[in-house]
Amino acid sequence: VGFVANNSAVGSGQIDIAAAYKNARFIRFCNLYNIP
């Protein structure tokens, strides 16, 4: 299973540009390869 998690220990877990693209790329990979 994949995990996409906000981490409040860094910047209150707010989503910035780098985090959004990092999440998007990982989610797309999991989508292509059948990973929940």
PDB file of all heavy atoms in Angstrom:
ATOM      1  N   VAL A   1       0.856  -1.188   0.000  1.00  0.00           N
ATOM      2  CA  VAL A   1       0.000   0.000   0.000  1.00  0.00           C
ATOM      3  C   VAL A   1       0.888   1.233   0.000  1.00  0.00           C
ATOM      4  O   VAL A   1       1.981   1.233   0.574  1.00  0.00           O
ATOM      5  CB  VAL A   1      -0.945   0.006   1.232  1.00  0.00           C
ATOM      6  CG1 VAL A   1      -0.158   0.040   2.537  1.00  0.00           C
ATOM      7  CG2 VAL A   1      -1.933   1.165   1.177  1.00  0.00           C
ATOM      8  N   GLY A   2       0.436   2.289  -0.684  1.00  0.00           N
ATOM      9  CA  GLY A   2       1.152   3.555  -0.675  1.00  0.00           C
ATOM     10  C   GLY A   2       0.599   4.467   0.413  1.00  0.00           C
ATOM     11  O   GLY A   2      -0.578   4.372   0.791  1.00  0.00           O
ATOM     12  N   PHE A   3       1.447   5.343   0.931  1.00  0.00           N
ATOM     13  CA  PHE A   3       1.035   6.336   1.924  1.00  0.00           C
ATOM     14  C   PHE A   3       1.348   7.727   1.395  1.00  0.00           C
ATOM     15  O   PHE A   3       2.456   7.980   0.907  1.00  0.00           O
ATOM     16  CB  PHE A   3       1.776   6.135   3.249  1.00  0.00           C
ATOM     17  CG  PHE A   3       1.416   4.867   3.974  1.00  0.00           C
ATOM     18  CD1 PHE A   3       2.131   3.703   3.765  1.00  0.00           C
ATOM     19  CD2 PHE A   3       0.358   4.847   4.868  1.00  0.00           C
ATOM     20  CE1 PHE A   3       1.810   2.524   4.425  1.00  0.00           C
ATOM     21  CE2 PHE A   3       0.023   3.679   5.540  1.00  0.00           C
ATOM     22  CZ  PHE A   3       0.747   2.514   5.319  1.00  0.00           C
ATOM     23  N   VAL A   4       0.369   8.623   1.475  1.00  0.00           N
ATOM     24  CA  VAL A   4       0.576  10.037   1.173  1.00  0.00           C
ATOM     25  C   VAL A   4       0.105  10.791   2.409  1.00  0.00           C
ATOM     26  O   VAL A   4      -1.094  10.805   2.715  1.00  0.00           O
ATOM     27  CB  VAL A   4      -0.212  10.489  -0.073  1.00  0.00           C
ATOM     28  CG1 VAL A   4      -0.026  11.986  -0.303  1.00  0.00           C
ATOM     29  CG2 VAL A   4       0.224   9.703  -1.295  1.00  0.00           C
ATOM     30  N   ALA A   5       1.057  11.394   3.140  1.00  0.00           N
ATOM     31  CA  ALA A   5       0.734  11.910   4.474  1.00  0.00           C
ATOM     32  C   ALA A   5       1.284  13.309   4.692  1.00  0.00           C
ATOM     33  O   ALA A   5       2.457  13.584   4.383  1.00  0.00           O
ATOM     34  CB  ALA A   5       1.290  10.959   5.538  1.00  0.00           C
ATOM     35  N   ASN A   6       0.464  14.204   5.231  1.00  0.00           N
ATOM     36  CA  ASN A   6       0.942  15.512   5.683  1.00  0.00           C
ATOM     37  C   ASN A   6       1.767  15.309   6.953  1.00  0.00           C
ATOM     38  O   ASN A   6       1.385  14.554   7.833  1.00  0.00           O
ATOM     39  CB  ASN A   6      -0.224  16.445   6.001  1.00  0.00           C
ATOM     40  CG  ASN A   6      -1.192  16.596   4.845  1.00  0.00           C
ATOM     41  OD1 ASN A   6      -2.395  16.377   5.015  1.00  0.00           O
ATOM     42  ND2 ASN A   6      -0.689  16.958   3.680  1.00  0.00           N
ATOM     43  N   ASN A   7       2.898  16.012   7.025  1.00  0.00           N
ATOM     44  CA  ASN A   7       3.802  15.866   8.166  1.00  0.00           C
ATOM     45  C   ASN A   7       3.878  17.187   8.919  1.00  0.00           C
ATOM     46  O   ASN A   7       4.598  18.097   8.519  1.00  0.00           O
ATOM     47  CB  ASN A   7       5.187  15.440   7.676  1.00  0.00           C
ATOM     48  CG  ASN A   7       6.132  15.149   8.820  1.00  0.00           C
ATOM     49  OD1 ASN A   7       5.699  14.901   9.944  1.00  0.00           O
ATOM     50  ND2 ASN A   7       7.422  15.178   8.546  1.00  0.00           N
ATOM     51  N   SER A   8       3.140  17.294  10.021  1.00  0.00           N
ATOM     52  CA  SER A   8       3.070  18.558  10.753  1.00  0.00           C
ATOM     53  C   SER A   8       4.391  18.926  11.407  1.00  0.00           C
ATOM     54  O   SER A   8       4.568  20.061  11.841  1.00  0.00           O
ATOM     55  CB  SER A   8       1.970  18.490  11.822  1.00  0.00           C
ATOM     56  OG  SER A   8       2.293  17.530  12.821  1.00  0.00           O
ATOM     57  N   ALA A   9       5.335  17.984  11.490  1.00  0.00           N
ATOM     58  CA  ALA A   9       6.642  18.281  12.087  1.00  0.00           C
ATOM     59  C   ALA A   9       7.442  19.248  11.227  1.00  0.00           C
ATOM     60  O   ALA A   9       8.413  19.836  11.700  1.00  0.00           O
ATOM     61  CB  ALA A   9       7.434  16.991  12.300  1.00  0.00           C
ATOM     62  N   VAL A  10       7.043  19.419   9.963  1.00  0.00           N
ATOM     63  CA  VAL A  10       7.737  20.337   9.045  1.00  0.00           C
ATOM     64  C   VAL A  10       6.713  21.297   8.447  1.00  0.00           C
ATOM     65  O   VAL A  10       5.804  20.890   7.726  1.00  0.00           O
ATOM     66  CB  VAL A  10       8.445  19.568   7.911  1.00  0.00           C
ATOM     67  CG1 VAL A  10       9.117  20.526   6.946  1.00  0.00           C
ATOM     68  CG2 VAL A  10       9.458  18.583   8.477  1.00  0.00           C
ATOM     69  N   GLY A  11       6.841  22.563   8.774  1.00  0.00           N
ATOM     70  CA  GLY A  11       5.970  23.583   8.190  1.00  0.00           C
ATOM     71  C   GLY A  11       4.495  23.344   8.440  1.00  0.00           C
ATOM     72  O   GLY A  11       3.654  23.686   7.595  1.00  0.00           O
ATOM     73  N   SER A  12       4.158  22.773   9.600  1.00  0.00           N
ATOM     74  CA  SER A  12       2.757  22.501   9.958  1.00  0.00           C
ATOM     75  C   SER A  12       2.057  21.589   8.946  1.00  0.00           C
ATOM     76  O   SER A  12       0.835  21.532   8.912  1.00  0.00           O
ATOM     77  CB  SER A  12       1.961  23.809  10.097  1.00  0.00           C
ATOM     78  OG  SER A  12       2.512  24.612  11.116  1.00  0.00           O
ATOM     79  N   GLY A  13       2.846  20.890   8.128  1.00  0.00           N
ATOM     80  CA  GLY A  13       2.242  19.996   7.146  1.00  0.00           C
ATOM     81  C   GLY A  13       1.559  20.714   6.009  1.00  0.00           C
ATOM     82  O   GLY A  13       0.818  20.096   5.225  1.00  0.00           O
ATOM     83  N   GLN A  14       1.794  22.026   5.873  1.00  0.00           N
ATOM     84  CA  GLN A  14       1.153  22.768   4.786  1.00  0.00           C
ATOM     85  C   GLN A  14       1.678  22.276   3.426  1.00  0.00           C
ATOM     86  O   GLN A  14       2.829  21.874   3.298  1.00  0.00           O
ATOM     87  CB  GLN A  14       1.410  24.268   4.938  1.00  0.00           C
ATOM     88  CG  GLN A  14       0.622  24.902   6.082  1.00  0.00           C
ATOM     89  CD  GLN A  14       0.809  26.400   6.132  1.00  0.00           C
ATOM     90  OE1 GLN A  14       1.926  26.896   6.088  1.00  0.00           O
ATOM     91  NE2 GLN A  14      -0.278  27.133   6.225  1.00  0.00           N
ATOM     92  N   ILE A  15       0.827  22.325   2.428  1.00  0.00           N
ATOM     93  CA  ILE A  15       1.173  21.827   1.104  1.00  0.00           C
ATOM     94  C   ILE A  15       1.739  22.972   0.281  1.00  0.00           C
ATOM     95  O   ILE A  15       1.024  23.927  -0.050  1.00  0.00           O
ATOM     96  CB  ILE A  15      -0.062  21.230   0.409  1.00  0.00           C
ATOM     97  CG1 ILE A  15      -0.671  20.126   1.268  1.00  0.00           C
ATOM     98  CG2 ILE A  15       0.308  20.690  -0.967  1.00  0.00           C
ATOM     99  CD1 ILE A  15      -2.032  19.650   0.778  1.00  0.00           C
ATOM    100  N   ASP A  16       3.028  22.891  -0.054  1.00  0.00           N
ATOM    101  CA  ASP A  16       3.643  23.893  -0.912  1.00  0.00           C
ATOM    102  C   ASP A  16       3.857  23.305  -2.302  1.00  0.00           C
ATOM    103  O   ASP A  16       3.416  22.189  -2.599  1.00  0.00           O
ATOM    104  CB  ASP A  16       4.950  24.410  -0.301  1.00  0.00           C
ATOM    105  CG  ASP A  16       5.962  23.297  -0.065  1.00  0.00           C
ATOM    106  OD1 ASP A  16       5.719  22.148  -0.499  1.00  0.00           O
ATOM    107  OD2 ASP A  16       7.003  23.572   0.560  1.00  0.00           O
ATOM    108  N   ILE A  17       4.554  24.032  -3.173  1.00  0.00           N
ATOM    109  CA  ILE A  17       4.740  23.600  -4.557  1.00  0.00           C
ATOM    110  C   ILE A  17       5.461  22.257  -4.620  1.00  0.00           C
ATOM    111  O   ILE A  17       5.032  21.333  -5.310  1.00  0.00           O
ATOM    112  CB  ILE A  17       5.520  24.672  -5.345  1.00  0.00           C
ATOM    113  CG1 ILE A  17       4.694  25.952  -5.467  1.00  0.00           C
ATOM    114  CG2 ILE A  17       5.901  24.160  -6.731  1.00  0.00           C
ATOM    115  CD1 ILE A  17       5.460  27.141  -6.015  1.00  0.00           C
ATOM    116  N   ALA A  18       6.567  22.151  -3.883  1.00  0.00           N
ATOM    117  CA  ALA A  18       7.355  20.915  -3.929  1.00  0.00           C
ATOM    118  C   ALA A  18       6.548  19.727  -3.430  1.00  0.00           C
ATOM    119  O   ALA A  18       6.588  18.637  -4.015  1.00  0.00           O
ATOM    120  CB  ALA A  18       8.631  21.080  -3.100  1.00  0.00           C
ATOM    121  N   ALA A  19       5.805  19.914  -2.340  1.00  0.00           N
ATOM    122  CA  ALA A  19       5.010  18.817  -1.784  1.00  0.00           C
ATOM    123  C   ALA A  19       3.903  18.393  -2.742  1.00  0.00           C
ATOM    124  O   ALA A  19       3.609  17.201  -2.895  1.00  0.00           O
ATOM    125  CB  ALA A  19       4.420  19.228  -0.443  1.00  0.00           C
ATOM    126  N   ALA A  20       3.261  19.365  -3.399  1.00  0.00           N
ATOM    127  CA  ALA A  20       2.171  19.050  -4.320  1.00  0.00           C
ATOM    128  C   ALA A  20       2.668  18.213  -5.497  1.00  0.00           C
ATOM    129  O   ALA A  20       2.051  17.212  -5.877  1.00  0.00           O
ATOM    130  CB  ALA A  20       1.513  20.339  -4.816  1.00  0.00           C
ATOM    131  N   TYR A  21       3.807  18.609  -6.078  1.00  0.00           N
ATOM    132  CA  TYR A  21       4.353  17.843  -7.206  1.00  0.00           C
ATOM    133  C   TYR A  21       4.870  16.480  -6.752  1.00  0.00           C
ATOM    134  O   TYR A  21       4.740  15.485  -7.475  1.00  0.00           O
ATOM    135  CB  TYR A  21       5.472  18.635  -7.886  1.00  0.00           C
ATOM    136  CG  TYR A  21       4.965  19.704  -8.841  1.00  0.00           C
ATOM    137  CD1 TYR A  21       5.418  21.016  -8.775  1.00  0.00           C
ATOM    138  CD2 TYR A  21       4.023  19.392  -9.826  1.00  0.00           C
ATOM    139  CE1 TYR A  21       4.953  21.996  -9.648  1.00  0.00           C
ATOM    140  CE2 TYR A  21       3.557  20.357 -10.705  1.00  0.00           C
ATOM    141  CZ  TYR A  21       4.018  21.662 -10.613  1.00  0.00           C
ATOM    142  OH  TYR A  21       3.550  22.620 -11.478  1.00  0.00           O
ATOM    143  N   LYS A  22       5.468  16.439  -5.599  1.00  0.00           N
ATOM    144  CA  LYS A  22       5.937  15.159  -5.055  1.00  0.00           C
ATOM    145  C   LYS A  22       4.755  14.206  -4.870  1.00  0.00           C
ATOM    146  O   LYS A  22       4.814  13.033  -5.259  1.00  0.00           O
ATOM    147  CB  LYS A  22       6.642  15.409  -3.716  1.00  0.00           C
ATOM    148  CG  LYS A  22       7.092  14.167  -2.961  1.00  0.00           C
ATOM    149  CD  LYS A  22       7.767  14.574  -1.650  1.00  0.00           C
ATOM    150  CE  LYS A  22       8.089  13.392  -0.770  1.00  0.00           C
ATOM    151  NZ  LYS A  22       8.765  13.789   0.483  1.00  0.00           N
ATOM    152  N   ASN A  23       3.673  14.698  -4.293  1.00  0.00           N
ATOM    153  CA  ASN A  23       2.469  13.876  -4.103  1.00  0.00           C
ATOM    154  C   ASN A  23       1.888  13.437  -5.447  1.00  0.00           C
ATOM    155  O   ASN A  23       1.530  12.270  -5.636  1.00  0.00           O
ATOM    156  CB  ASN A  23       1.416  14.658  -3.326  1.00  0.00           C
ATOM    157  CG  ASN A  23       1.806  14.898  -1.880  1.00  0.00           C
ATOM    158  OD1 ASN A  23       2.742  14.293  -1.369  1.00  0.00           O
ATOM    159  ND2 ASN A  23       1.091  15.791  -1.223  1.00  0.00           N
ATOM    160  N   ALA A  24       1.778  14.393  -6.376  1.00  0.00           N
ATOM    161  CA  ALA A  24       1.149  14.091  -7.674  1.00  0.00           C
ATOM    162  C   ALA A  24       1.889  12.982  -8.404  1.00  0.00           C
ATOM    163  O   ALA A  24       1.278  12.055  -8.941  1.00  0.00           O
ATOM    164  CB  ALA A  24       1.098  15.352  -8.535  1.00  0.00           C
ATOM    165  N   ARG A  25       3.198  13.066  -8.413  1.00  0.00           N
ATOM    166  CA  ARG A  25       3.977  12.064  -9.130  1.00  0.00           C
ATOM    167  C   ARG A  25       3.824  10.678  -8.502  1.00  0.00           C
ATOM    168  O   ARG A  25       3.679   9.674  -9.197  1.00  0.00           O
ATOM    169  CB  ARG A  25       5.444  12.482  -9.139  1.00  0.00           C
ATOM    170  CG  ARG A  25       6.320  11.553  -9.948  1.00  0.00           C
ATOM    171  CD  ARG A  25       7.688  12.167 -10.144  1.00  0.00           C
ATOM    172  NE  ARG A  25       8.700  11.127 -10.188  1.00  0.00           N
ATOM    173  CZ  ARG A  25       9.978  11.332  -9.927  1.00  0.00           C
ATOM    174  NH1 ARG A  25      10.376  12.526  -9.574  1.00  0.00           N
ATOM    175  NH2 ARG A  25      10.844  10.360 -10.009  1.00  0.00           N
ATOM    176  N   PHE A  26       3.873  10.616  -7.185  1.00  0.00           N
ATOM    177  CA  PHE A  26       3.741   9.332  -6.500  1.00  0.00           C
ATOM    178  C   PHE A  26       2.352   8.739  -6.707  1.00  0.00           C
ATOM    179  O   PHE A  26       2.192   7.538  -6.940  1.00  0.00           O
ATOM    180  CB  PHE A  26       4.034   9.515  -5.012  1.00  0.00           C
ATOM    181  CG  PHE A  26       3.909   8.253  -4.211  1.00  0.00           C
ATOM    182  CD1 PHE A  26       4.830   7.220  -4.363  1.00  0.00           C
ATOM    183  CD2 PHE A  26       2.871   8.081  -3.309  1.00  0.00           C
ATOM    184  CE1 PHE A  26       4.718   6.048  -3.622  1.00  0.00           C
ATOM    185  CE2 PHE A  26       2.758   6.920  -2.564  1.00  0.00           C
ATOM    186  CZ  PHE A  26       3.692   5.902  -2.720  1.00  0.00           C
ATOM    187  N   ILE A  27       1.323   9.590  -6.631  1.00  0.00           N
ATOM    188  CA  ILE A  27      -0.059   9.116  -6.817  1.00  0.00           C
ATOM    189  C   ILE A  27      -0.244   8.572  -8.231  1.00  0.00           C
ATOM    190  O   ILE A  27      -0.876   7.526  -8.432  1.00  0.00           O
ATOM    191  CB  ILE A  27      -1.057  10.263  -6.529  1.00  0.00           C
ATOM    192  CG1 ILE A  27      -1.002  10.652  -5.044  1.00  0.00           C
ATOM    193  CG2 ILE A  27      -2.477   9.855  -6.911  1.00  0.00           C
ATOM    194  CD1 ILE A  27      -1.660  11.987  -4.738  1.00  0.00           C
ATOM    195  N   ARG A  28       0.303   9.258  -9.218  1.00  0.00           N
ATOM    196  CA  ARG A  28       0.192   8.788 -10.608  1.00  0.00           C
ATOM    197  C   ARG A  28       0.888   7.443 -10.778  1.00  0.00           C
ATOM    198  O   ARG A  28       0.388   6.565 -11.486  1.00  0.00           O
ATOM    199  CB  ARG A  28       0.784   9.822 -11.567  1.00  0.00           C
ATOM    200  CG  ARG A  28      -0.062  11.080 -11.746  1.00  0.00           C
ATOM    201  CD  ARG A  28       0.602  12.050 -12.709  1.00  0.00           C
ATOM    202  NE  ARG A  28       0.756  11.472 -14.035  1.00  0.00           N
ATOM    203  CZ  ARG A  28      -0.189  11.462 -14.968  1.00  0.00           C
ATOM    204  NH1 ARG A  28      -1.374  11.999 -14.711  1.00  0.00           N
ATOM    205  NH2 ARG A  28       0.030  10.919 -16.144  1.00  0.00           N
ATOM    206  N   PHE A  29       2.033   7.274 -10.146  1.00  0.00           N
ATOM    207  CA  PHE A  29       2.732   5.992 -10.244  1.00  0.00           C
ATOM    208  C   PHE A  29       1.871   4.865  -9.655  1.00  0.00           C
ATOM    209  O   PHE A  29       1.711   3.802 -10.266  1.00  0.00           O
ATOM    210  CB  PHE A  29       4.085   6.054  -9.527  1.00  0.00           C
ATOM    211  CG  PHE A  29       4.821   4.752  -9.539  1.00  0.00           C
ATOM    212  CD1 PHE A  29       5.599   4.388 -10.625  1.00  0.00           C
ATOM    213  CD2 PHE A  29       4.731   3.861  -8.475  1.00  0.00           C
ATOM    214  CE1 PHE A  29       6.276   3.180 -10.654  1.00  0.00           C
ATOM    215  CE2 PHE A  29       5.397   2.650  -8.493  1.00  0.00           C
ATOM    216  CZ  PHE A  29       6.171   2.306  -9.588  1.00  0.00           C
ATOM    217  N   CYS A  30       1.337   5.089  -8.466  1.00  0.00           N
ATOM    218  CA  CYS A  30       0.489   4.074  -7.826  1.00  0.00           C
ATOM    219  C   CYS A  30      -0.745   3.779  -8.678  1.00  0.00           C
ATOM    220  O   CYS A  30      -1.191   2.628  -8.762  1.00  0.00           O
ATOM    221  CB  CYS A  30       0.073   4.534  -6.429  1.00  0.00           C
ATOM    222  SG  CYS A  30       1.429   4.598  -5.237  1.00  0.00           S
ATOM    223  N   ASN A  31      -1.278   4.800  -9.315  1.00  0.00           N
ATOM    224  CA  ASN A  31      -2.448   4.626 -10.168  1.00  0.00           C
ATOM    225  C   ASN A  31      -2.131   3.721 -11.354  1.00  0.00           C
ATOM    226  O   ASN A  31      -2.905   2.836 -11.721  1.00  0.00           O
ATOM    227  CB  ASN A  31      -2.929   5.992 -10.656  1.00  0.00           C
ATOM    228  CG  ASN A  31      -4.334   5.959 -11.223  1.00  0.00           C
ATOM    229  OD1 ASN A  31      -5.105   5.032 -10.977  1.00  0.00           O
ATOM    230  ND2 ASN A  31      -4.690   6.984 -11.975  1.00  0.00           N
ATOM    231  N   LEU A  32      -0.975   3.931 -11.966  1.00  0.00           N
ATOM    232  CA  LEU A  32      -0.590   3.138 -13.128  1.00  0.00           C
ATOM    233  C   LEU A  32      -0.333   1.677 -12.770  1.00  0.00           C
ATOM    234  O   LEU A  32      -0.636   0.771 -13.549  1.00  0.00           O
ATOM    235  CB  LEU A  32       0.673   3.728 -13.767  1.00  0.00           C
ATOM    236  CG  LEU A  32       0.498   5.040 -14.538  1.00  0.00           C
ATOM    237  CD1 LEU A  32       1.851   5.645 -14.863  1.00  0.00           C
ATOM    238  CD2 LEU A  32      -0.298   4.811 -15.812  1.00  0.00           C
ATOM    239  N   TYR A  33       0.208   1.440 -11.579  1.00  0.00           N
ATOM    240  CA  TYR A  33       0.665   0.099 -11.232  1.00  0.00           C
ATOM    241  C   TYR A  33      -0.157  -0.564 -10.126  1.00  0.00           C
ATOM    242  O   TYR A  33       0.344  -1.400  -9.378  1.00  0.00           O
ATOM    243  CB  TYR A  33       2.149   0.143 -10.870  1.00  0.00           C
ATOM    244  CG  TYR A  33       2.991   0.503 -12.069  1.00  0.00           C
ATOM    245  CD1 TYR A  33       3.548   1.765 -12.196  1.00  0.00           C
ATOM    246  CD2 TYR A  33       3.188  -0.397 -13.105  1.00  0.00           C
ATOM    247  CE1 TYR A  33       4.295   2.119 -13.308  1.00  0.00           C
ATOM    248  CE2 TYR A  33       3.933  -0.058 -14.225  1.00  0.00           C
ATOM    249  CZ  TYR A  33       4.481   1.192 -14.321  1.00  0.00           C
ATOM    250  OH  TYR A  33       5.213   1.538 -15.430  1.00  0.00           O
ATOM    251  N   ASN A  34      -1.437  -0.180 -10.028  1.00  0.00           N
ATOM    252  CA  ASN A  34      -2.410  -0.911  -9.214  1.00  0.00           C
ATOM    253  C   ASN A  34      -2.050  -0.978  -7.725  1.00  0.00           C
ATOM    254  O   ASN A  34      -2.254  -2.003  -7.075  1.00  0.00           O
ATOM    255  CB  ASN A  34      -2.583  -2.334  -9.761  1.00  0.00           C
ATOM    256  CG  ASN A  34      -3.007  -2.350 -11.216  1.00  0.00           C
ATOM    257  OD1 ASN A  34      -4.093  -1.907 -11.577  1.00  0.00           O
ATOM    258  ND2 ASN A  34      -2.123  -2.840 -12.085  1.00  0.00           N
ATOM    259  N   ILE A  35      -1.496   0.110  -7.197  1.00  0.00           N
ATOM    260  CA  ILE A  35      -1.122   0.148  -5.785  1.00  0.00           C
ATOM    261  C   ILE A  35      -2.144   0.992  -5.017  1.00  0.00           C
ATOM    262  O   ILE A  35      -2.328   2.170  -5.325  1.00  0.00           O
ATOM    263  CB  ILE A  35       0.294   0.736  -5.605  1.00  0.00           C
ATOM    264  CG1 ILE A  35       1.316  -0.146  -6.329  1.00  0.00           C
ATOM    265  CG2 ILE A  35       0.646   0.859  -4.131  1.00  0.00           C
ATOM    266  CD1 ILE A  35       2.720   0.420  -6.337  1.00  0.00           C
ATOM    267  N   PRO A  36      -2.830   0.421  -4.015  1.00  0.00           N
ATOM    268  CA  PRO A  36      -3.768   1.199  -3.200  1.00  0.00           C
ATOM    269  C   PRO A  36      -3.021   2.296  -2.434  1.00  0.00           C
ATOM    270  O   PRO A  36      -1.811   2.199  -2.210  1.00  0.00           O
ATOM    271  CB  PRO A  36      -4.352   0.161  -2.236  1.00  0.00           C
ATOM    272  CG  PRO A  36      -4.010  -1.174  -2.811  1.00  0.00           C
ATOM    273  CD  PRO A  36      -2.756  -0.991  -3.591  1.00  0.00           C
TER     274      PRO A  36
END
